[in-house]
């Protein structure tokens, strides 16, 4: 390394997730079940990749909003806007393990949404709790093909 090069350590993404969790609302599986039972207007967002949903299923009633499109679909001024994003609507996000959804909550809060939380253990926690799953592969036009079919 030359004297002009400076080596900066890469910061752990998991440390950052943990730090951000302390600043947002984190829901347990029982918390989410209670909200789902009590709030008919709850917007539950699965921000995982499409293939994750197809391979593993999703929480019943969840809308798919890929993490990469979240802000674009939530912004009323965007050509990609989805009208189910309403400023005062309760929104709960989840991903596989509760990491991506932390950043999704922060992004929505930065945009001005105030009633936002995430499922802290993620979809994996929902599965481990043996909660109901929606089989996305049964209705999706997208399927995983075996490598022999390629």
C-alpha atoms as a PDB file:
ATOM      1  CA  UNK A   1       0.000   0.000   0.000  1.00  0.00           C
ATOM      2  CA  UNK A   2       1.429   3.400  -0.946  1.00  0.00           C
ATOM      3  CA  UNK A   3       1.608   6.240   1.540  1.00  0.00           C
ATOM      4  CA  UNK A   4      -1.281   7.939  -0.313  1.00  0.00           C
ATOM      5  CA  UNK A   5      -3.673   5.011   0.105  1.00  0.00           C
ATOM      6  CA  UNK A   6      -5.768   4.870   3.235  1.00  0.00           C
ATOM      7  CA  UNK A   7      -7.423   1.659   4.288  1.00  0.00           C
ATOM      8  CA  UNK A   8     -10.814   2.197   5.880  1.00  0.00           C
ATOM      9  CA  UNK A   9     -12.468  -0.732   7.588  1.00  0.00           C
ATOM     10  CA  UNK A  10     -15.766  -1.898   6.177  1.00  0.00           C
ATOM     11  CA  UNK A  11     -18.487  -1.361   8.756  1.00  0.00           C
ATOM     12  CA  UNK A  12     -20.637  -4.327   9.629  1.00  0.00           C
ATOM     13  CA  UNK A  13     -24.091  -4.120   8.090  1.00  0.00           C
ATOM     14  CA  UNK A  14     -25.446  -6.172  10.995  1.00  0.00           C
ATOM     15  CA  UNK A  15     -24.179  -3.623  13.528  1.00  0.00           C
ATOM     16  CA  UNK A  16     -25.925  -0.933  11.512  1.00  0.00           C
ATOM     17  CA  UNK A  17     -29.174  -2.948  11.377  1.00  0.00           C
ATOM     18  CA  UNK A  18     -29.056  -3.389  15.148  1.00  0.00           C
ATOM     19  CA  UNK A  19     -28.410   0.332  15.678  1.00  0.00           C
ATOM     20  CA  UNK A  20     -31.292   1.308  13.370  1.00  0.00           C
ATOM     21  CA  UNK A  21     -33.653  -1.167  15.065  1.00  0.00           C
ATOM     22  CA  UNK A  22     -33.292   0.897  18.225  1.00  0.00           C
ATOM     23  CA  UNK A  23     -34.835   3.871  16.384  1.00  0.00           C
ATOM     24  CA  UNK A  24     -37.899   2.196  14.825  1.00  0.00           C
ATOM     25  CA  UNK A  25     -40.933   0.160  15.862  1.00  0.00           C
ATOM     26  CA  UNK A  26     -40.167  -3.568  15.973  1.00  0.00           C
ATOM     27  CA  UNK A  27     -43.025  -6.066  16.024  1.00  0.00           C
ATOM     28  CA  UNK A  28     -42.929  -9.670  17.212  1.00  0.00           C
ATOM     29  CA  UNK A  29     -44.964 -12.371  15.478  1.00  0.00           C
ATOM     30  CA  UNK A  30     -47.731 -12.111  18.142  1.00  0.00           C
ATOM     31  CA  UNK A  31     -47.714  -8.300  17.750  1.00  0.00           C
ATOM     32  CA  UNK A  32     -48.217  -8.606  13.990  1.00  0.00           C
ATOM     33  CA  UNK A  33     -50.952 -11.214  14.394  1.00  0.00           C
ATOM     34  CA  UNK A  34     -52.769  -8.874  16.761  1.00  0.00           C
ATOM     35  CA  UNK A  35     -52.490  -5.972  14.330  1.00  0.00           C
ATOM     36  CA  UNK A  36     -53.655  -8.134  11.433  1.00  0.00           C
ATOM     37  CA  UNK A  37     -56.709  -9.203  13.441  1.00  0.00           C
ATOM     38  CA  UNK A  38     -57.580  -5.696  14.580  1.00  0.00           C
ATOM     39  CA  UNK A  39     -56.764  -3.337  11.718  1.00  0.00           C
ATOM     40  CA  UNK A  40     -58.669  -4.017   8.513  1.00  0.00           C
ATOM     41  CA  UNK A  41     -56.696  -1.271   6.770  1.00  0.00           C
ATOM     42  CA  UNK A  42     -53.233  -2.590   7.663  1.00  0.00           C
ATOM     43  CA  UNK A  43     -50.839  -2.558   4.704  1.00  0.00           C
ATOM     44  CA  UNK A  44     -48.527  -5.542   5.076  1.00  0.00           C
ATOM     45  CA  UNK A  45     -45.578  -5.378   2.690  1.00  0.00           C
ATOM     46  CA  UNK A  46     -43.314  -8.252   1.705  1.00  0.00           C
ATOM     47  CA  UNK A  47     -40.154  -6.543   0.465  1.00  0.00           C
ATOM     48  CA  UNK A  48     -38.252  -9.727  -0.363  1.00  0.00           C
ATOM     49  CA  UNK A  49     -37.197 -10.640  -3.878  1.00  0.00           C
ATOM     50  CA  UNK A  50     -39.839 -12.259  -6.055  1.00  0.00           C
ATOM     51  CA  UNK A  51     -38.030 -15.598  -6.106  1.00  0.00           C
ATOM     52  CA  UNK A  52     -38.005 -15.712  -2.289  1.00  0.00           C
ATOM     53  CA  UNK A  53     -41.792 -15.380  -2.311  1.00  0.00           C
ATOM     54  CA  UNK A  54     -42.215 -18.050  -4.971  1.00  0.00           C
ATOM     55  CA  UNK A  55     -39.857 -20.502  -3.267  1.00  0.00           C
ATOM     56  CA  UNK A  56     -41.041 -20.008   0.321  1.00  0.00           C
ATOM     57  CA  UNK A  57     -44.485 -18.396   0.174  1.00  0.00           C
ATOM     58  CA  UNK A  58     -45.537 -15.283   2.046  1.00  0.00           C
ATOM     59  CA  UNK A  59     -47.647 -14.097   4.948  1.00  0.00           C
ATOM     60  CA  UNK A  60     -51.306 -14.214   3.859  1.00  0.00           C
ATOM     61  CA  UNK A  61     -52.558 -10.831   2.682  1.00  0.00           C
ATOM     62  CA  UNK A  62     -49.111  -9.314   2.129  1.00  0.00           C
ATOM     63  CA  UNK A  63     -48.506  -7.179  -0.945  1.00  0.00           C
ATOM     64  CA  UNK A  64     -45.235  -7.636  -2.764  1.00  0.00           C
ATOM     65  CA  UNK A  65     -43.175  -4.464  -2.989  1.00  0.00           C
ATOM     66  CA  UNK A  66     -39.588  -5.243  -3.983  1.00  0.00           C
ATOM     67  CA  UNK A  67     -37.150  -3.389  -1.722  1.00  0.00           C
ATOM     68  CA  UNK A  68     -35.597  -1.700  -4.741  1.00  0.00           C
ATOM     69  CA  UNK A  69     -38.936  -0.131  -5.712  1.00  0.00           C
ATOM     70  CA  UNK A  70     -40.297   0.762  -2.256  1.00  0.00           C
ATOM     71  CA  UNK A  71     -39.630   4.496  -2.326  1.00  0.00           C
ATOM     72  CA  UNK A  72     -40.702   4.822  -5.977  1.00  0.00           C
ATOM     73  CA  UNK A  73     -44.005   3.040  -5.367  1.00  0.00           C
ATOM     74  CA  UNK A  74     -44.647   5.030  -2.155  1.00  0.00           C
ATOM     75  CA  UNK A  75     -44.075   8.491  -3.676  1.00  0.00           C
ATOM     76  CA  UNK A  76     -47.281  10.051  -5.068  1.00  0.00           C
ATOM     77  CA  UNK A  77     -45.176  12.170  -7.444  1.00  0.00           C
ATOM     78  CA  UNK A  78     -43.494   9.097  -8.955  1.00  0.00           C
ATOM     79  CA  UNK A  79     -44.727   7.553 -12.205  1.00  0.00           C
ATOM     80  CA  UNK A  80     -44.421   4.211 -10.364  1.00  0.00           C
ATOM     81  CA  UNK A  81     -46.720   5.238  -7.482  1.00  0.00           C
ATOM     82  CA  UNK A  82     -49.114   2.629  -6.078  1.00  0.00           C
ATOM     83  CA  UNK A  83     -52.246   4.105  -4.521  1.00  0.00           C
ATOM     84  CA  UNK A  84     -52.313   1.683  -1.584  1.00  0.00           C
ATOM     85  CA  UNK A  85     -49.563   3.822  -0.046  1.00  0.00           C
ATOM     86  CA  UNK A  86     -51.454   6.379   2.027  1.00  0.00           C
ATOM     87  CA  UNK A  87     -49.764   8.841   4.363  1.00  0.00           C
ATOM     88  CA  UNK A  88     -51.733   7.896   7.493  1.00  0.00           C
ATOM     89  CA  UNK A  89     -52.191   4.184   6.810  1.00  0.00           C
ATOM     90  CA  UNK A  90     -50.543   1.671   9.141  1.00  0.00           C
ATOM     91  CA  UNK A  91     -47.736  -0.040   7.231  1.00  0.00           C
ATOM     92  CA  UNK A  92     -45.784  -3.085   8.374  1.00  0.00           C
ATOM     93  CA  UNK A  93     -42.848  -4.380   6.343  1.00  0.00           C
ATOM     94  CA  UNK A  94     -41.071  -7.696   6.450  1.00  0.00           C
ATOM     95  CA  UNK A  95     -38.171  -9.363   4.698  1.00  0.00           C
ATOM     96  CA  UNK A  96     -36.507 -12.723   5.281  1.00  0.00           C
ATOM     97  CA  UNK A  97     -34.751 -12.011   8.562  1.00  0.00           C
ATOM     98  CA  UNK A  98     -35.582  -8.458   9.605  1.00  0.00           C
ATOM     99  CA  UNK A  99     -32.636  -6.607   8.062  1.00  0.00           C
ATOM    100  CA  UNK A 100     -33.875  -5.159   4.773  1.00  0.00           C
ATOM    101  CA  UNK A 101     -37.163  -4.223   6.403  1.00  0.00           C
ATOM    102  CA  UNK A 102     -35.307  -2.029   8.924  1.00  0.00           C
ATOM    103  CA  UNK A 103     -33.942   0.051   6.061  1.00  0.00           C
ATOM    104  CA  UNK A 104     -37.353   0.036   4.384  1.00  0.00           C
ATOM    105  CA  UNK A 105     -38.980   1.460   7.513  1.00  0.00           C
ATOM    106  CA  UNK A 106     -36.287   4.135   7.759  1.00  0.00           C
ATOM    107  CA  UNK A 107     -36.808   5.069   4.090  1.00  0.00           C
ATOM    108  CA  UNK A 108     -40.584   5.418   4.517  1.00  0.00           C
ATOM    109  CA  UNK A 109     -40.134   7.446   7.687  1.00  0.00           C
ATOM    110  CA  UNK A 110     -37.678   9.725   5.864  1.00  0.00           C
ATOM    111  CA  UNK A 111     -40.386  10.231   3.209  1.00  0.00           C
ATOM    112  CA  UNK A 112     -42.892  11.326   5.876  1.00  0.00           C
ATOM    113  CA  UNK A 113     -44.812   8.138   6.669  1.00  0.00           C
ATOM    114  CA  UNK A 114     -45.424   8.005  10.418  1.00  0.00           C
ATOM    115  CA  UNK A 115     -47.247   4.733  11.134  1.00  0.00           C
ATOM    116  CA  UNK A 116     -44.552   2.319  10.001  1.00  0.00           C
ATOM    117  CA  UNK A 117     -43.070  -0.772  11.667  1.00  0.00           C
ATOM    118  CA  UNK A 118     -41.396  -4.011  10.689  1.00  0.00           C
ATOM    119  CA  UNK A 119     -41.639  -7.651  11.680  1.00  0.00           C
ATOM    120  CA  UNK A 120     -38.442  -7.970  13.695  1.00  0.00           C
ATOM    121  CA  UNK A 121     -37.826 -11.711  13.185  1.00  0.00           C
ATOM    122  CA  UNK A 122     -38.834 -11.425   9.522  1.00  0.00           C
ATOM    123  CA  UNK A 123     -40.543 -14.054   7.421  1.00  0.00           C
ATOM    124  CA  UNK A 124     -38.226 -16.673   8.920  1.00  0.00           C
ATOM    125  CA  UNK A 125     -39.624 -15.887  12.365  1.00  0.00           C
ATOM    126  CA  UNK A 126     -43.169 -16.182  11.010  1.00  0.00           C
ATOM    127  CA  UNK A 127     -42.307 -19.618   9.581  1.00  0.00           C
ATOM    128  CA  UNK A 128     -40.610 -20.784  12.805  1.00  0.00           C
ATOM    129  CA  UNK A 129     -43.746 -19.799  14.726  1.00  0.00           C
ATOM    130  CA  UNK A 130     -45.626 -22.193  12.408  1.00  0.00           C
ATOM    131  CA  UNK A 131     -47.970 -19.457  11.212  1.00  0.00           C
ATOM    132  CA  UNK A 132     -50.070 -19.777   8.034  1.00  0.00           C
ATOM    133  CA  UNK A 133     -48.376 -19.268   4.684  1.00  0.00           C
ATOM    134  CA  UNK A 134     -49.709 -18.283   1.289  1.00  0.00           C
ATOM    135  CA  UNK A 135     -48.355 -20.449  -1.532  1.00  0.00           C
ATOM    136  CA  UNK A 136     -47.218 -17.833  -4.039  1.00  0.00           C
ATOM    137  CA  UNK A 137     -45.961 -20.425  -6.510  1.00  0.00           C
ATOM    138  CA  UNK A 138     -49.516 -21.688  -7.010  1.00  0.00           C
ATOM    139  CA  UNK A 139     -50.654 -18.395  -8.518  1.00  0.00           C
ATOM    140  CA  UNK A 140     -47.460 -16.820  -9.861  1.00  0.00           C
ATOM    141  CA  UNK A 141     -46.690 -16.729 -13.547  1.00  0.00           C
ATOM    142  CA  UNK A 142     -43.019 -16.854 -12.568  1.00  0.00           C
ATOM    143  CA  UNK A 143     -41.539 -20.256 -11.766  1.00  0.00           C
ATOM    144  CA  UNK A 144     -38.087 -21.556 -10.951  1.00  0.00           C
ATOM    145  CA  UNK A 145     -36.856 -23.832 -13.684  1.00  0.00           C
ATOM    146  CA  UNK A 146     -34.564 -26.758 -12.999  1.00  0.00           C
ATOM    147  CA  UNK A 147     -31.149 -26.338 -14.614  1.00  0.00           C
ATOM    148  CA  UNK A 148     -31.923 -29.409 -16.781  1.00  0.00           C
ATOM    149  CA  UNK A 149     -34.727 -27.419 -18.435  1.00  0.00           C
ATOM    150  CA  UNK A 150     -32.450 -24.536 -19.452  1.00  0.00           C
END
